């Protein structure tokens, strides 16, 4: 069972990375902001600009969804191995990522 979950997790991770790269490629070099909060991830914020295509936003949301599935699979593996701390951390990442995905989906109506 564990090798199957590991393979599924790797597939989800690769698909998430592919969608994320595709979404960021469509955003271009990204804006240069001076605000301290946005210095870290300006391209992630640029995905939500109305001037960009809806396809870029869809790809970004799909990358978030597949990242959540990846975290869920890894949490299952950690649980099966008996690592409770890692399981709790990954489950928290799964819940946080899912909440972020749905909040952005509702707010942006993609």
PDB file of N, CA and C in Angstrom:
ATOM      1  N   UNK A   1       0.824  -1.201   0.000  1.00  0.00           N
ATOM      2  CA  UNK A   1       0.000   0.000   0.000  1.00  0.00           C
ATOM      3  C   UNK A   1       0.864   1.260   0.000  1.00  0.00           C
ATOM      4  N   UNK A   2       1.928   1.256   0.792  1.00  0.00           N
ATOM      5  CA  UNK A   2       2.773   2.445   0.894  1.00  0.00           C
ATOM      6  C   UNK A   2       3.446   2.825  -0.418  1.00  0.00           C
ATOM      7  N   UNK A   3       3.957   1.853  -1.196  1.00  0.00           N
ATOM      8  CA  UNK A   3       4.561   2.253  -2.479  1.00  0.00           C
ATOM      9  C   UNK A   3       3.553   2.885  -3.433  1.00  0.00           C
ATOM     10  N   UNK A   4       2.306   2.414  -3.384  1.00  0.00           N
ATOM     11  CA  UNK A   4       1.272   2.985  -4.258  1.00  0.00           C
ATOM     12  C   UNK A   4       0.989   4.431  -3.853  1.00  0.00           C
ATOM     13  N   UNK A   5       0.871   4.668  -2.550  1.00  0.00           N
ATOM     14  CA  UNK A   5       0.614   6.026  -2.069  1.00  0.00           C
ATOM     15  C   UNK A   5       1.790   6.933  -2.398  1.00  0.00           C
ATOM     16  N   UNK A   6       3.004   6.406  -2.285  1.00  0.00           N
ATOM     17  CA  UNK A   6       4.184   7.200  -2.609  1.00  0.00           C
ATOM     18  C   UNK A   6       4.209   7.575  -4.089  1.00  0.00           C
ATOM     19  N   UNK A   7       3.892   6.631  -4.951  1.00  0.00           N
ATOM     20  CA  UNK A   7       3.857   6.918  -6.391  1.00  0.00           C
ATOM     21  C   UNK A   7       2.778   7.937  -6.715  1.00  0.00           C
ATOM     22  N   UNK A   8       1.598   7.777  -6.100  1.00  0.00           N
ATOM     23  CA  UNK A   8       0.512   8.738  -6.325  1.00  0.00           C
ATOM     24  C   UNK A   8       0.925  10.116  -5.831  1.00  0.00           C
ATOM     25  N   UNK A   9       1.593  10.173  -4.672  1.00  0.00           N
ATOM     26  CA  UNK A   9       2.053  11.458  -4.133  1.00  0.00           C
ATOM     27  C   UNK A   9       3.051  12.111  -5.081  1.00  0.00           C
ATOM     28  N   UNK A  10       3.968  11.336  -5.612  1.00  0.00           N
ATOM     29  CA  UNK A  10       4.950  11.899  -6.546  1.00  0.00           C
ATOM     30  C   UNK A  10       4.282  12.422  -7.813  1.00  0.00           C
ATOM     31  N   UNK A  11       3.288  11.695  -8.300  1.00  0.00           N
ATOM     32  CA  UNK A  11       2.559  12.163  -9.485  1.00  0.00           C
ATOM     33  C   UNK A  11       1.851  13.480  -9.175  1.00  0.00           C
ATOM     34  N   UNK A  12       1.169  13.558  -8.020  1.00  0.00           N
ATOM     35  CA  UNK A  12       0.504  14.801  -7.638  1.00  0.00           C
ATOM     36  C   UNK A  12       1.503  15.946  -7.505  1.00  0.00           C
ATOM     37  N   UNK A  13       2.663  15.665  -6.927  1.00  0.00           N
ATOM     38  CA  UNK A  13       3.682  16.701  -6.782  1.00  0.00           C
ATOM     39  C   UNK A  13       4.201  17.200  -8.114  1.00  0.00           C
ATOM     40  N   UNK A  14       4.435  16.290  -9.036  1.00  0.00           N
ATOM     41  CA  UNK A  14       4.919  16.693 -10.360  1.00  0.00           C
ATOM     42  C   UNK A  14       3.863  17.478 -11.142  1.00  0.00           C
ATOM     43  N   UNK A  15       2.622  17.044 -11.050  1.00  0.00           N
ATOM     44  CA  UNK A  15       1.545  17.765 -11.743  1.00  0.00           C
ATOM     45  C   UNK A  15       1.385  19.162 -11.138  1.00  0.00           C
ATOM     46  N   UNK A  16       1.471  19.268  -9.812  1.00  0.00           N
ATOM     47  CA  UNK A  16       1.373  20.580  -9.158  1.00  0.00           C
ATOM     48  C   UNK A  16       2.509  21.491  -9.610  1.00  0.00           C
ATOM     49  N   UNK A  17       3.704  20.953  -9.682  1.00  0.00           N
ATOM     50  CA  UNK A  17       4.853  21.757 -10.119  1.00  0.00           C
ATOM     51  C   UNK A  17       4.694  22.202 -11.571  1.00  0.00           C
ATOM     52  N   UNK A  18       4.155  21.325 -12.407  1.00  0.00           N
ATOM     53  CA  UNK A  18       3.964  21.678 -13.816  1.00  0.00           C
ATOM     54  C   UNK A  18       2.935  22.795 -13.972  1.00  0.00           C
ATOM     55  N   UNK A  19       1.821  22.690 -13.263  1.00  0.00           N
ATOM     56  CA  UNK A  19       0.806  23.746 -13.343  1.00  0.00           C
ATOM     57  C   UNK A  19       1.329  25.067 -12.771  1.00  0.00           C
ATOM     58  N   UNK A  20       2.100  24.982 -11.684  1.00  0.00           N
ATOM     59  CA  UNK A  20       2.646  26.194 -11.074  1.00  0.00           C
ATOM     60  C   UNK A  20       3.623  26.880 -12.035  1.00  0.00           C
ATOM     61  N   UNK A  21       4.490  26.086 -12.650  1.00  0.00           N
ATOM     62  CA  UNK A  21       5.445  26.659 -13.601  1.00  0.00           C
ATOM     63  C   UNK A  21       4.735  27.270 -14.798  1.00  0.00           C
ATOM     64  N   UNK A  22       3.691  26.610 -15.263  1.00  0.00           N
ATOM     65  CA  UNK A  22       2.930  27.134 -16.398  1.00  0.00           C
ATOM     66  C   UNK A  22       2.226  28.446 -16.043  1.00  0.00           C
ATOM     67  N   UNK A  23       1.664  28.505 -14.835  1.00  0.00           N
ATOM     68  CA  UNK A  23       0.993  29.735 -14.406  1.00  0.00           C
ATOM     69  C   UNK A  23       1.984  30.879 -14.258  1.00  0.00           C
ATOM     70  N   UNK A  24       3.137  30.619 -13.670  1.00  0.00           N
ATOM     71  CA  UNK A  24       4.127  31.683 -13.487  1.00  0.00           C
ATOM     72  C   UNK A  24       4.775  32.087 -14.802  1.00  0.00           C
ATOM     73  N   UNK A  25       4.861  31.171 -15.736  1.00  0.00           N
ATOM     74  CA  UNK A  25       5.399  31.510 -17.054  1.00  0.00           C
ATOM     75  C   UNK A  25       4.473  32.496 -17.765  1.00  0.00           C
ATOM     76  N   UNK A  26       3.181  32.359 -17.555  1.00  0.00           N
ATOM     77  CA  UNK A  26       2.218  33.257 -18.187  1.00  0.00           C
ATOM     78  C   UNK A  26       2.203  34.642 -17.545  1.00  0.00           C
ATOM     79  N   UNK A  27       2.714  34.758 -16.311  1.00  0.00           N
ATOM     80  CA  UNK A  27       2.716  36.061 -15.649  1.00  0.00           C
ATOM     81  C   UNK A  27       3.858  36.943 -16.117  1.00  0.00           C
ATOM     82  N   UNK A  28       4.877  36.364 -16.736  1.00  0.00           N
ATOM     83  CA  UNK A  28       6.023  37.159 -17.158  1.00  0.00           C
ATOM     84  C   UNK A  28       6.982  37.358 -16.008  1.00  0.00           C
ATOM     85  N   UNK A  29       7.856  38.373 -16.100  1.00  0.00           N
ATOM     86  CA  UNK A  29       8.866  38.569 -15.056  1.00  0.00           C
ATOM     87  C   UNK A  29       8.286  39.015 -13.726  1.00  0.00           C
ATOM     88  N   UNK A  30       7.079  39.511 -13.713  1.00  0.00           N
ATOM     89  CA  UNK A  30       6.466  39.949 -12.463  1.00  0.00           C
ATOM     90  C   UNK A  30       6.776  41.393 -12.151  1.00  0.00           C
ATOM     91  N   UNK A  31       5.862  42.052 -11.481  1.00  0.00           N
ATOM     92  CA  UNK A  31       6.071  43.457 -11.132  1.00  0.00           C
ATOM     93  C   UNK A  31       7.103  43.615 -10.021  1.00  0.00           C
ATOM     94  N   UNK A  32       7.701  44.775  -9.973  1.00  0.00           N
ATOM     95  CA  UNK A  32       8.672  45.082  -8.925  1.00  0.00           C
ATOM     96  C   UNK A  32       8.012  46.025  -7.925  1.00  0.00           C
ATOM     97  N   UNK A  33       7.637  45.491  -6.766  1.00  0.00           N
ATOM     98  CA  UNK A  33       6.982  46.285  -5.746  1.00  0.00           C
ATOM     99  C   UNK A  33       7.966  46.627  -4.644  1.00  0.00           C
ATOM    100  N   UNK A  34       7.675  47.690  -3.944  1.00  0.00           N
ATOM    101  CA  UNK A  34       8.534  48.124  -2.846  1.00  0.00           C
ATOM    102  C   UNK A  34       7.947  47.764  -1.480  1.00  0.00           C
ATOM    103  N   UNK A  35       6.689  47.368  -1.426  1.00  0.00           N
ATOM    104  CA  UNK A  35       6.064  47.041  -0.143  1.00  0.00           C
ATOM    105  C   UNK A  35       6.710  45.774   0.440  1.00  0.00           C
ATOM    106  N   UNK A  36       7.006  45.763   1.740  1.00  0.00           N
ATOM    107  CA  UNK A  36       7.710  44.623   2.320  1.00  0.00           C
ATOM    108  C   UNK A  36       6.922  43.313   2.264  1.00  0.00           C
ATOM    109  N   UNK A  37       5.604  43.348   2.352  1.00  0.00           N
ATOM    110  CA  UNK A  37       4.817  42.129   2.333  1.00  0.00           C
ATOM    111  C   UNK A  37       4.853  41.450   0.970  1.00  0.00           C
ATOM    112  N   UNK A  38       4.954  42.210  -0.075  1.00  0.00           N
ATOM    113  CA  UNK A  38       4.859  41.643  -1.415  1.00  0.00           C
ATOM    114  C   UNK A  38       6.211  41.355  -2.048  1.00  0.00           C
ATOM    115  N   UNK A  39       7.280  41.672  -1.352  1.00  0.00           N
ATOM    116  CA  UNK A  39       8.598  41.426  -1.926  1.00  0.00           C
ATOM    117  C   UNK A  39       8.899  39.939  -2.089  1.00  0.00           C
ATOM    118  N   UNK A  40       8.314  39.133  -1.242  1.00  0.00           N
ATOM    119  CA  UNK A  40       8.643  37.712  -1.274  1.00  0.00           C
ATOM    120  C   UNK A  40       8.007  36.978  -2.448  1.00  0.00           C
ATOM    121  N   UNK A  41       6.766  37.273  -2.741  1.00  0.00           N
ATOM    122  CA  UNK A  41       6.041  36.508  -3.755  1.00  0.00           C
ATOM    123  C   UNK A  41       5.282  37.403  -4.724  1.00  0.00           C
ATOM    124  N   UNK A  42       5.967  38.301  -5.441  1.00  0.00           N
ATOM    125  CA  UNK A  42       5.216  39.198  -6.323  1.00  0.00           C
ATOM    126  C   UNK A  42       4.560  38.471  -7.483  1.00  0.00           C
ATOM    127  N   UNK A  43       5.179  37.393  -7.953  1.00  0.00           N
ATOM    128  CA  UNK A  43       4.580  36.683  -9.089  1.00  0.00           C
ATOM    129  C   UNK A  43       3.326  35.931  -8.656  1.00  0.00           C
ATOM    130  N   UNK A  44       3.309  35.429  -7.434  1.00  0.00           N
ATOM    131  CA  UNK A  44       2.108  34.757  -6.951  1.00  0.00           C
ATOM    132  C   UNK A  44       0.938  35.735  -6.864  1.00  0.00           C
ATOM    133  N   UNK A  45       1.227  36.956  -6.479  1.00  0.00           N
ATOM    134  CA  UNK A  45       0.162  37.961  -6.420  1.00  0.00           C
ATOM    135  C   UNK A  45      -0.218  38.452  -7.811  1.00  0.00           C
ATOM    136  N   UNK A  46       0.741  38.485  -8.712  1.00  0.00           N
ATOM    137  CA  UNK A  46       0.473  38.975 -10.064  1.00  0.00           C
ATOM    138  C   UNK A  46      -0.479  38.065 -10.823  1.00  0.00           C
ATOM    139  N   UNK A  47      -0.593  36.816 -10.409  1.00  0.00           N
ATOM    140  CA  UNK A  47      -1.512  35.888 -11.076  1.00  0.00           C
ATOM    141  C   UNK A  47      -2.941  36.401 -10.994  1.00  0.00           C
ATOM    142  N   UNK A  48      -3.271  37.146  -9.950  1.00  0.00           N
ATOM    143  CA  UNK A  48      -4.652  37.579  -9.734  1.00  0.00           C
ATOM    144  C   UNK A  48      -4.988  38.897 -10.403  1.00  0.00           C
ATOM    145  N   UNK A  49      -4.032  39.523 -11.092  1.00  0.00           N
ATOM    146  CA  UNK A  49      -4.337  40.760 -11.809  1.00  0.00           C
ATOM    147  C   UNK A  49      -5.317  40.476 -12.930  1.00  0.00           C
ATOM    148  N   UNK A  50      -6.241  41.365 -13.146  1.00  0.00           N
ATOM    149  CA  UNK A  50      -7.255  41.181 -14.191  1.00  0.00           C
ATOM    150  C   UNK A  50      -6.653  41.223 -15.594  1.00  0.00           C
ATOM    151  N   UNK A  51      -5.482  41.815 -15.740  1.00  0.00           N
ATOM    152  CA  UNK A  51      -4.872  41.910 -17.062  1.00  0.00           C
ATOM    153  C   UNK A  51      -4.340  40.560 -17.553  1.00  0.00           C
ATOM    154  N   UNK A  52      -4.160  39.616 -16.648  1.00  0.00           N
ATOM    155  CA  UNK A  52      -3.683  38.295 -17.042  1.00  0.00           C
ATOM    156  C   UNK A  52      -4.843  37.420 -17.475  1.00  0.00           C
ATOM    157  N   UNK A  53      -4.513  36.369 -18.167  1.00  0.00           N
ATOM    158  CA  UNK A  53      -5.553  35.485 -18.688  1.00  0.00           C
ATOM    159  C   UNK A  53      -6.170  34.650 -17.565  1.00  0.00           C
ATOM    160  N   UNK A  54      -7.384  34.227 -17.815  1.00  0.00           N
ATOM    161  CA  UNK A  54      -8.055  33.352 -16.859  1.00  0.00           C
ATOM    162  C   UNK A  54      -7.350  31.999 -16.798  1.00  0.00           C
ATOM    163  N   UNK A  55      -6.700  31.617 -17.882  1.00  0.00           N
ATOM    164  CA  UNK A  55      -5.979  30.345 -17.911  1.00  0.00           C
ATOM    165  C   UNK A  55      -4.842  30.336 -16.886  1.00  0.00           C
ATOM    166  N   UNK A  56      -4.157  31.460 -16.716  1.00  0.00           N
ATOM    167  CA  UNK A  56      -3.081  31.536 -15.724  1.00  0.00           C
ATOM    168  C   UNK A  56      -3.645  31.348 -14.319  1.00  0.00           C
ATOM    169  N   UNK A  57      -4.786  31.955 -14.041  1.00  0.00           N
ATOM    170  CA  UNK A  57      -5.404  31.794 -12.728  1.00  0.00           C
ATOM    171  C   UNK A  57      -5.873  30.356 -12.512  1.00  0.00           C
ATOM    172  N   UNK A  58      -6.431  29.743 -13.565  1.00  0.00           N
ATOM    173  CA  UNK A  58      -6.855  28.345 -13.461  1.00  0.00           C
ATOM    174  C   UNK A  58      -5.662  27.427 -13.199  1.00  0.00           C
ATOM    175  N   UNK A  59      -4.586  27.655 -13.906  1.00  0.00           N
ATOM    176  CA  UNK A  59      -3.391  26.845 -13.694  1.00  0.00           C
ATOM    177  C   UNK A  59      -2.855  27.005 -12.276  1.00  0.00           C
ATOM    178  N   UNK A  60      -2.898  28.222 -11.770  1.00  0.00           N
ATOM    179  CA  UNK A  60      -2.430  28.479 -10.408  1.00  0.00           C
ATOM    180  C   UNK A  60      -3.313  27.756  -9.396  1.00  0.00           C
ATOM    181  N   UNK A  61      -4.634  27.812  -9.591  1.00  0.00           N
ATOM    182  CA  UNK A  61      -5.536  27.116  -8.680  1.00  0.00           C
ATOM    183  C   UNK A  61      -5.358  25.601  -8.768  1.00  0.00           C
ATOM    184  N   UNK A  62      -5.133  25.086  -9.965  1.00  0.00           N
ATOM    185  CA  UNK A  62      -4.888  23.657 -10.107  1.00  0.00           C
ATOM    186  C   UNK A  62      -3.587  23.249  -9.415  1.00  0.00           C
ATOM    187  N   UNK A  63      -2.590  24.121  -9.467  1.00  0.00           N
ATOM    188  CA  UNK A  63      -1.344  23.804  -8.760  1.00  0.00           C
ATOM    189  C   UNK A  63      -1.583  23.763  -7.248  1.00  0.00           C
ATOM    190  N   UNK A  64      -2.424  24.658  -6.745  1.00  0.00           N
ATOM    191  CA  UNK A  64      -2.765  24.620  -5.315  1.00  0.00           C
ATOM    192  C   UNK A  64      -3.516  23.340  -4.967  1.00  0.00           C
ATOM    193  N   UNK A  65      -4.454  22.934  -5.825  1.00  0.00           N
ATOM    194  CA  UNK A  65      -5.236  21.729  -5.560  1.00  0.00           C
ATOM    195  C   UNK A  65      -4.345  20.482  -5.548  1.00  0.00           C
ATOM    196  N   UNK A  66      -3.480  20.355  -6.544  1.00  0.00           N
ATOM    197  CA  UNK A  66      -2.600  19.189  -6.587  1.00  0.00           C
ATOM    198  C   UNK A  66      -1.565  19.222  -5.464  1.00  0.00           C
ATOM    199  N   UNK A  67      -1.170  20.407  -5.028  1.00  0.00           N
ATOM    200  CA  UNK A  67      -0.269  20.500  -3.879  1.00  0.00           C
ATOM    201  C   UNK A  67      -0.953  19.999  -2.614  1.00  0.00           C
ATOM    202  N   UNK A  68      -2.232  20.293  -2.472  1.00  0.00           N
ATOM    203  CA  UNK A  68      -2.991  19.796  -1.322  1.00  0.00           C
ATOM    204  C   UNK A  68      -3.096  18.278  -1.363  1.00  0.00           C
ATOM    205  N   UNK A  69      -3.343  17.727  -2.535  1.00  0.00           N
ATOM    206  CA  UNK A  69      -3.402  16.268  -2.664  1.00  0.00           C
ATOM    207  C   UNK A  69      -2.045  15.638  -2.350  1.00  0.00           C
ATOM    208  N   UNK A  70      -0.977  16.280  -2.782  1.00  0.00           N
ATOM    209  CA  UNK A  70       0.375  15.812  -2.478  1.00  0.00           C
ATOM    210  C   UNK A  70       0.608  15.792  -0.970  1.00  0.00           C
ATOM    211  N   UNK A  71       0.251  16.888  -0.290  1.00  0.00           N
ATOM    212  CA  UNK A  71       0.430  16.957   1.167  1.00  0.00           C
ATOM    213  C   UNK A  71      -0.416  15.895   1.866  1.00  0.00           C
ATOM    214  N   UNK A  72      -1.616  15.647   1.364  1.00  0.00           N
ATOM    215  CA  UNK A  72      -2.463  14.610   1.953  1.00  0.00           C
ATOM    216  C   UNK A  72      -1.854  13.221   1.820  1.00  0.00           C
ATOM    217  N   UNK A  73      -1.319  12.912   0.653  1.00  0.00           N
ATOM    218  CA  UNK A  73      -0.681  11.602   0.452  1.00  0.00           C
ATOM    219  C   UNK A  73       0.543  11.431   1.346  1.00  0.00           C
ATOM    220  N   UNK A  74       1.344  12.465   1.453  1.00  0.00           N
ATOM    221  CA  UNK A  74       2.527  12.380   2.318  1.00  0.00           C
ATOM    222  C   UNK A  74       2.107  12.272   3.786  1.00  0.00           C
ATOM    223  N   UNK A  75       1.006  12.932   4.173  1.00  0.00           N
ATOM    224  CA  UNK A  75       0.500  12.802   5.542  1.00  0.00           C
ATOM    225  C   UNK A  75       0.050  11.366   5.812  1.00  0.00           C
ATOM    226  N   UNK A  76      -0.567  10.730   4.823  1.00  0.00           N
ATOM    227  CA  UNK A  76      -0.965   9.326   4.976  1.00  0.00           C
ATOM    228  C   UNK A  76       0.267   8.448   5.170  1.00  0.00           C
ATOM    229  N   UNK A  77       1.291   8.701   4.372  1.00  0.00           N
ATOM    230  CA  UNK A  77       2.528   7.924   4.524  1.00  0.00           C
ATOM    231  C   UNK A  77       3.158   8.132   5.898  1.00  0.00           C
ATOM    232  N   UNK A  78       3.178   9.362   6.365  1.00  0.00           N
ATOM    233  CA  UNK A  78       3.760   9.647   7.682  1.00  0.00           C
ATOM    234  C   UNK A  78       2.954   8.970   8.787  1.00  0.00           C
ATOM    235  N   UNK A  79       1.647   8.964   8.635  1.00  0.00           N
ATOM    236  CA  UNK A  79       0.789   8.309   9.633  1.00  0.00           C
ATOM    237  C   UNK A  79       1.060   6.802   9.671  1.00  0.00           C
ATOM    238  N   UNK A  80       1.200   6.217   8.499  1.00  0.00           N
ATOM    239  CA  UNK A  80       1.454   4.773   8.430  1.00  0.00           C
ATOM    240  C   UNK A  80       2.822   4.409   9.009  1.00  0.00           C
ATOM    241  N   UNK A  81       3.765   5.342   8.926  1.00  0.00           N
ATOM    242  CA  UNK A  81       5.096   5.095   9.489  1.00  0.00           C
ATOM    243  C   UNK A  81       5.156   5.387  10.986  1.00  0.00           C
ATOM    244  N   UNK A  82       4.094   5.969  11.543  1.00  0.00           N
ATOM    245  CA  UNK A  82       4.034   6.219  12.974  1.00  0.00           C
ATOM    246  C   UNK A  82       4.554   7.572  13.413  1.00  0.00           C
ATOM    247  N   UNK A  83       4.816   8.461  12.486  1.00  0.00           N
ATOM    248  CA  UNK A  83       5.325   9.790  12.833  1.00  0.00           C
ATOM    249  C   UNK A  83       4.145  10.749  13.025  1.00  0.00           C
ATOM    250  N   UNK A  84       3.735  10.896  14.251  1.00  0.00           N
ATOM    251  CA  UNK A  84       2.545  11.714  14.552  1.00  0.00           C
ATOM    252  C   UNK A  84       2.794  13.212  14.321  1.00  0.00           C
ATOM    253  N   UNK A  85       3.979  13.690  14.658  1.00  0.00           N
ATOM    254  CA  UNK A  85       4.277  15.113  14.513  1.00  0.00           C
ATOM    255  C   UNK A  85       4.246  15.517  13.043  1.00  0.00           C
ATOM    256  N   UNK A  86       4.885  14.731  12.194  1.00  0.00           N
ATOM    257  CA  UNK A  86       4.896  15.024  10.762  1.00  0.00           C
ATOM    258  C   UNK A  86       3.486  14.931  10.198  1.00  0.00           C
ATOM    259  N   UNK A  87       2.713  13.955  10.678  1.00  0.00           N
ATOM    260  CA  UNK A  87       1.331  13.809  10.224  1.00  0.00           C
ATOM    261  C   UNK A  87       0.509  15.041  10.559  1.00  0.00           C
ATOM    262  N   UNK A  88       0.659  15.543  11.773  1.00  0.00           N
ATOM    263  CA  UNK A  88      -0.100  16.731  12.180  1.00  0.00           C
ATOM    264  C   UNK A  88       0.322  17.954  11.364  1.00  0.00           C
ATOM    265  N   UNK A  89       1.607  18.114  11.139  1.00  0.00           N
ATOM    266  CA  UNK A  89       2.101  19.255  10.355  1.00  0.00           C
ATOM    267  C   UNK A  89       1.580  19.190   8.924  1.00  0.00           C
ATOM    268  N   UNK A  90       1.669  18.019   8.305  1.00  0.00           N
ATOM    269  CA  UNK A  90       1.199  17.883   6.920  1.00  0.00           C
ATOM    270  C   UNK A  90      -0.315  17.994   6.817  1.00  0.00           C
ATOM    271  N   UNK A  91      -1.024  17.474   7.797  1.00  0.00           N
ATOM    272  CA  UNK A  91      -2.480  17.625   7.794  1.00  0.00           C
ATOM    273  C   UNK A  91      -2.863  19.098   7.934  1.00  0.00           C
ATOM    274  N   UNK A  92      -2.112  19.838   8.742  1.00  0.00           N
ATOM    275  CA  UNK A  92      -2.347  21.282   8.855  1.00  0.00           C
ATOM    276  C   UNK A  92      -2.079  22.000   7.550  1.00  0.00           C
ATOM    277  N   UNK A  93      -0.999  21.586   6.860  1.00  0.00           N
ATOM    278  CA  UNK A  93      -0.712  22.172   5.542  1.00  0.00           C
ATOM    279  C   UNK A  93      -1.828  21.847   4.555  1.00  0.00           C
ATOM    280  N   UNK A  94      -2.346  20.635   4.622  1.00  0.00           N
ATOM    281  CA  UNK A  94      -3.439  20.231   3.748  1.00  0.00           C
ATOM    282  C   UNK A  94      -4.678  21.087   3.998  1.00  0.00           C
ATOM    283  N   UNK A  95      -5.027  21.263   5.261  1.00  0.00           N
ATOM    284  CA  UNK A  95      -6.210  22.066   5.592  1.00  0.00           C
ATOM    285  C   UNK A  95      -6.017  23.531   5.217  1.00  0.00           C
ATOM    286  N   UNK A  96      -4.855  24.079   5.510  1.00  0.00           N
ATOM    287  CA  UNK A  96      -4.573  25.472   5.173  1.00  0.00           C
ATOM    288  C   UNK A  96      -4.582  25.685   3.657  1.00  0.00           C
ATOM    289  N   UNK A  97      -3.938  24.785   2.933  1.00  0.00           N
ATOM    290  CA  UNK A  97      -3.911  24.896   1.479  1.00  0.00           C
ATOM    291  C   UNK A  97      -5.295  24.778   0.858  1.00  0.00           C
ATOM    292  N   UNK A  98      -6.100  23.866   1.387  1.00  0.00           N
ATOM    293  CA  UNK A  98      -7.463  23.711   0.880  1.00  0.00           C
ATOM    294  C   UNK A  98      -8.289  24.955   1.163  1.00  0.00           C
ATOM    295  N   UNK A  99      -8.143  25.513   2.348  1.00  0.00           N
ATOM    296  CA  UNK A  99      -8.876  26.740   2.683  1.00  0.00           C
ATOM    297  C   UNK A  99      -8.441  27.901   1.784  1.00  0.00           C
ATOM    298  N   UNK A 100      -7.130  28.013   1.536  1.00  0.00           N
ATOM    299  CA  UNK A 100      -6.643  29.076   0.647  1.00  0.00           C
ATOM    300  C   UNK A 100      -7.189  28.905  -0.761  1.00  0.00           C
ATOM    301  N   UNK A 101      -7.217  27.665  -1.238  1.00  0.00           N
ATOM    302  CA  UNK A 101      -7.698  27.407  -2.587  1.00  0.00           C
ATOM    303  C   UNK A 101      -9.160  27.801  -2.729  1.00  0.00           C
ATOM    304  N   UNK A 102      -9.984  27.381  -1.782  1.00  0.00           N
ATOM    305  CA  UNK A 102     -11.402  27.706  -1.880  1.00  0.00           C
ATOM    306  C   UNK A 102     -11.659  29.197  -1.690  1.00  0.00           C
ATOM    307  N   UNK A 103     -10.902  29.848  -0.811  1.00  0.00           N
ATOM    308  CA  UNK A 103     -11.074  31.289  -0.610  1.00  0.00           C
ATOM    309  C   UNK A 103     -10.724  32.060  -1.881  1.00  0.00           C
ATOM    310  N   UNK A 104      -9.643  31.678  -2.523  1.00  0.00           N
ATOM    311  CA  UNK A 104      -9.265  32.363  -3.768  1.00  0.00           C
ATOM    312  C   UNK A 104     -10.226  32.041  -4.890  1.00  0.00           C
ATOM    313  N   UNK A 105     -10.712  30.828  -4.908  1.00  0.00           N
ATOM    314  CA  UNK A 105     -11.671  30.438  -5.946  1.00  0.00           C
ATOM    315  C   UNK A 105     -12.950  31.251  -5.822  1.00  0.00           C
ATOM    316  N   UNK A 106     -13.437  31.405  -4.602  1.00  0.00           N
ATOM    317  CA  UNK A 106     -14.674  32.170  -4.385  1.00  0.00           C
ATOM    318  C   UNK A 106     -14.437  33.652  -4.657  1.00  0.00           C
ATOM    319  N   UNK A 107     -13.310  34.186  -4.188  1.00  0.00           N
ATOM    320  CA  UNK A 107     -13.036  35.611  -4.344  1.00  0.00           C
ATOM    321  C   UNK A 107     -12.806  35.994  -5.792  1.00  0.00           C
ATOM    322  N   UNK A 108     -12.091  35.161  -6.523  1.00  0.00           N
ATOM    323  CA  UNK A 108     -11.738  35.513  -7.897  1.00  0.00           C
ATOM    324  C   UNK A 108     -12.706  34.971  -8.937  1.00  0.00           C
ATOM    325  N   UNK A 109     -13.543  34.034  -8.536  1.00  0.00           N
ATOM    326  CA  UNK A 109     -14.554  33.463  -9.440  1.00  0.00           C
ATOM    327  C   UNK A 109     -13.955  32.971 -10.736  1.00  0.00           C
ATOM    328  N   UNK A 110     -12.932  32.157 -10.635  1.00  0.00           N
ATOM    329  CA  UNK A 110     -12.275  31.621 -11.826  1.00  0.00           C
ATOM    330  C   UNK A 110     -13.050  30.431 -12.325  1.00  0.00           C
TER     331      UNK A 110
END
